[in-house]
Amino acid sequence: MTAYVLAAATGELSHVSSALQFRLAKEDDAVVRVSLILAIAQLARQHQDEHAPSWARDLWSDPGRPPEVRIGAGLAWLCLITDPAPDELRTLLTDPGIRQYDDLLQPVPWLTWVDPTGVGLRSCIAEMLTANIPGTALDDPWGGGWTNKKSSLRRRG
């Protein structure tokens, strides 16, 4: 929750983002890892950090990373770019094994707002991948009045 608050309430990109990345490098809790990744992405989006998409892609495309890091980074990447999801990311996020992370990652604030019933991760993935289909407009799961699910992380805060 602290990562969410920092991302939503601060205007200090360099200091906060550096602190969040430092914490991410040392963190071993899955929920905190995903929260840190999404907070870093939200700050990057708000401050138009052009390096953030490649940072997120490096995380999700690295099979040596823990699954929750790859999942969180995949969601972050989808929120930072307007390009369609590459096949490699679609494969990662639609793998049937991802369902085992629904309960584990439900406490992540961004996912709770998508669906507080315990399937926030699955709902978020499905809707964000659908948002990659040209001409698809969906409601914003995290508030803010935006019509595209991919915009929700970008615009929150």
Protein backbone atom coordinates (compact mmCIF):
# COMPACT_ATOMS: atom_id res chain seq x y z
CA MET A 1 0.00 0.00 0.00
CA THR A 2 2.91 2.35 0.71
CA ALA A 3 4.16 1.95 -2.85
CA TYR A 4 0.72 2.88 -4.15
CA VAL A 5 0.52 5.96 -1.93
CA LEU A 6 3.98 7.13 -3.01
CA ALA A 7 3.12 6.67 -6.67
CA ALA A 8 -0.22 8.42 -6.35
CA ALA A 9 0.79 11.30 -4.10
CA THR A 10 4.26 12.42 -5.06
CA GLY A 11 5.70 14.53 -7.78
CA GLU A 12 9.31 13.60 -7.08
CA LEU A 13 10.05 11.05 -9.77
CA SER A 14 13.79 10.64 -9.36
CA HIS A 15 13.93 10.31 -5.57
CA VAL A 16 10.88 8.12 -5.15
CA SER A 17 11.52 5.96 -8.20
CA SER A 18 15.12 5.35 -7.11
CA ALA A 19 13.99 4.40 -3.62
CA LEU A 20 11.32 2.04 -5.01
CA GLN A 21 13.81 0.40 -7.38
CA PHE A 22 16.32 0.01 -4.55
CA ARG A 23 13.63 -1.69 -2.45
CA LEU A 24 12.59 -3.90 -5.37
CA ALA A 25 16.15 -5.22 -5.71
CA LYS A 26 16.08 -6.39 -2.08
CA GLU A 27 12.43 -7.38 -1.65
CA ASP A 28 11.40 -11.03 -1.36
CA ASP A 29 7.63 -10.68 -0.80
CA ALA A 30 5.65 -11.27 -4.01
CA VAL A 31 2.90 -8.75 -3.24
CA VAL A 32 5.41 -6.04 -2.38
CA ARG A 33 7.43 -6.79 -5.53
CA VAL A 34 4.42 -6.35 -7.80
CA SER A 35 3.32 -3.24 -5.91
CA LEU A 36 6.78 -1.72 -6.29
CA ILE A 37 6.86 -2.48 -10.02
CA LEU A 38 3.43 -0.95 -10.59
CA ALA A 39 4.31 2.09 -8.48
CA ILE A 40 7.50 2.64 -10.49
CA ALA A 41 5.51 2.31 -13.71
CA GLN A 42 2.81 4.69 -12.52
CA LEU A 43 5.38 7.33 -11.61
CA ALA A 44 7.17 6.80 -14.91
CA ARG A 45 3.94 7.22 -16.85
CA GLN A 46 2.97 10.36 -14.96
CA HIS A 47 6.38 11.89 -15.58
CA GLN A 48 6.77 10.56 -19.15
CA ASP A 49 9.94 8.61 -18.39
CA GLU A 50 10.91 7.20 -21.79
CA HIS A 51 13.20 4.57 -20.21
CA ALA A 52 10.43 2.88 -18.25
CA PRO A 53 9.02 0.69 -21.06
CA SER A 54 12.42 -0.89 -21.74
CA TRP A 55 12.95 -1.36 -17.98
CA ALA A 56 9.59 -3.14 -17.69
CA ARG A 57 10.25 -5.22 -20.83
CA ASP A 58 13.63 -6.31 -19.47
CA LEU A 59 11.89 -7.56 -16.33
CA TRP A 60 9.00 -9.44 -17.96
CA SER A 61 11.08 -10.96 -20.73
CA ASP A 62 13.71 -12.41 -18.37
CA PRO A 63 12.80 -16.05 -17.65
CA GLY A 64 15.26 -15.99 -14.73
CA ARG A 65 13.06 -13.54 -12.82
CA PRO A 66 10.46 -14.76 -10.33
CA PRO A 67 7.01 -15.24 -11.91
CA GLU A 68 5.38 -12.44 -9.92
CA VAL A 69 8.06 -9.99 -11.10
CA ARG A 70 7.46 -11.01 -14.70
CA ILE A 71 3.68 -10.73 -14.27
CA GLY A 72 3.88 -7.32 -12.60
CA ALA A 73 6.36 -6.05 -15.17
CA GLY A 74 4.16 -7.33 -18.00
CA LEU A 75 1.21 -5.38 -16.63
CA ALA A 76 3.43 -2.34 -16.13
CA TRP A 77 4.70 -2.56 -19.71
CA LEU A 78 1.16 -2.77 -21.06
CA CYS A 79 0.34 0.41 -19.14
CA LEU A 80 3.40 2.25 -20.38
CA ILE A 81 3.06 1.62 -24.11
CA THR A 82 0.42 1.80 -26.78
CA ASP A 83 1.81 -1.03 -28.91
CA PRO A 84 0.02 -4.38 -29.03
CA ALA A 85 1.32 -6.99 -26.62
CA PRO A 86 4.00 -9.13 -28.26
CA ASP A 87 3.32 -12.86 -28.52
CA GLU A 88 5.93 -13.58 -25.83
CA LEU A 89 4.05 -11.38 -23.32
CA ARG A 90 0.65 -12.78 -24.30
CA THR A 91 2.02 -16.29 -23.78
CA LEU A 92 3.37 -15.35 -20.35
CA LEU A 93 0.19 -13.65 -19.16
CA THR A 94 -2.24 -16.23 -20.54
CA ASP A 95 -0.37 -19.30 -19.32
CA PRO A 96 -2.82 -21.43 -17.26
CA GLY A 97 -0.27 -21.45 -14.42
CA ILE A 98 -0.86 -17.72 -13.88
CA ARG A 99 -4.15 -18.54 -12.13
CA GLN A 100 -2.20 -19.75 -9.11
CA TYR A 101 -1.18 -16.10 -8.55
CA ASP A 102 -4.77 -14.79 -8.30
CA ASP A 103 -4.98 -15.24 -4.53
CA LEU A 104 -1.34 -14.50 -3.84
CA LEU A 105 -1.38 -11.15 -5.65
CA GLN A 106 -4.92 -10.06 -4.71
CA PRO A 107 -3.63 -7.69 -1.97
CA VAL A 108 -1.80 -5.61 -4.62
CA PRO A 109 -3.79 -2.34 -4.51
CA TRP A 110 -4.02 -1.89 -8.28
CA LEU A 111 -5.45 -5.40 -8.69
CA THR A 112 -7.88 -5.11 -5.79
CA TRP A 113 -9.56 -2.16 -7.50
CA VAL A 114 -9.99 -4.16 -10.69
CA ASP A 115 -11.88 -6.91 -8.90
CA PRO A 116 -12.05 -7.18 -5.09
CA THR A 117 -13.52 -10.71 -5.28
CA GLY A 118 -10.15 -12.40 -5.70
CA VAL A 119 -9.70 -12.47 -9.46
CA GLY A 120 -8.21 -9.02 -9.95
CA LEU A 121 -5.10 -10.39 -11.61
CA ARG A 122 -7.04 -12.51 -14.08
CA SER A 123 -9.49 -9.68 -14.79
CA CYS A 124 -6.69 -7.18 -15.25
CA ILE A 125 -4.77 -9.43 -17.64
CA ALA A 126 -7.85 -10.25 -19.71
CA GLU A 127 -8.94 -6.66 -19.99
CA MET A 128 -5.50 -5.22 -20.66
CA LEU A 129 -4.83 -7.74 -23.40
CA THR A 130 -8.27 -7.00 -24.87
CA ALA A 131 -7.38 -3.31 -24.83
CA ASN A 132 -4.59 -4.17 -27.27
CA ILE A 133 -7.21 -4.97 -29.90
CA PRO A 134 -7.62 -1.87 -32.09
CA GLY A 135 -10.92 -0.10 -31.58
CA THR A 136 -11.65 -1.68 -28.22
CA ALA A 137 -12.73 0.74 -25.50
CA LEU A 138 -13.33 -0.50 -21.98
CA ASP A 139 -14.14 1.11 -18.63
CA ASP A 140 -11.27 2.12 -16.37
CA PRO A 141 -11.06 -0.37 -13.47
CA TRP A 142 -9.17 1.98 -11.17
CA GLY A 143 -11.38 5.02 -11.56
CA GLY A 144 -10.37 8.26 -13.19
CA GLY A 145 -12.97 8.17 -15.94
CA TRP A 146 -10.71 6.83 -18.70
CA THR A 147 -12.24 4.53 -21.28
CA ASN A 148 -9.34 2.25 -21.97
CA LYS A 149 -8.31 -0.38 -19.41
CA LYS A 150 -4.68 0.06 -20.38
CA SER A 151 -4.91 3.67 -19.28
CA SER A 152 -5.89 2.86 -15.72
CA LEU A 153 -2.40 2.55 -14.27
CA ARG A 154 -1.16 5.37 -16.44
CA ARG A 155 -3.77 7.81 -15.28
CA ARG A 156 -4.34 6.83 -11.63
CA GLY A 157 -3.06 9.20 -9.01
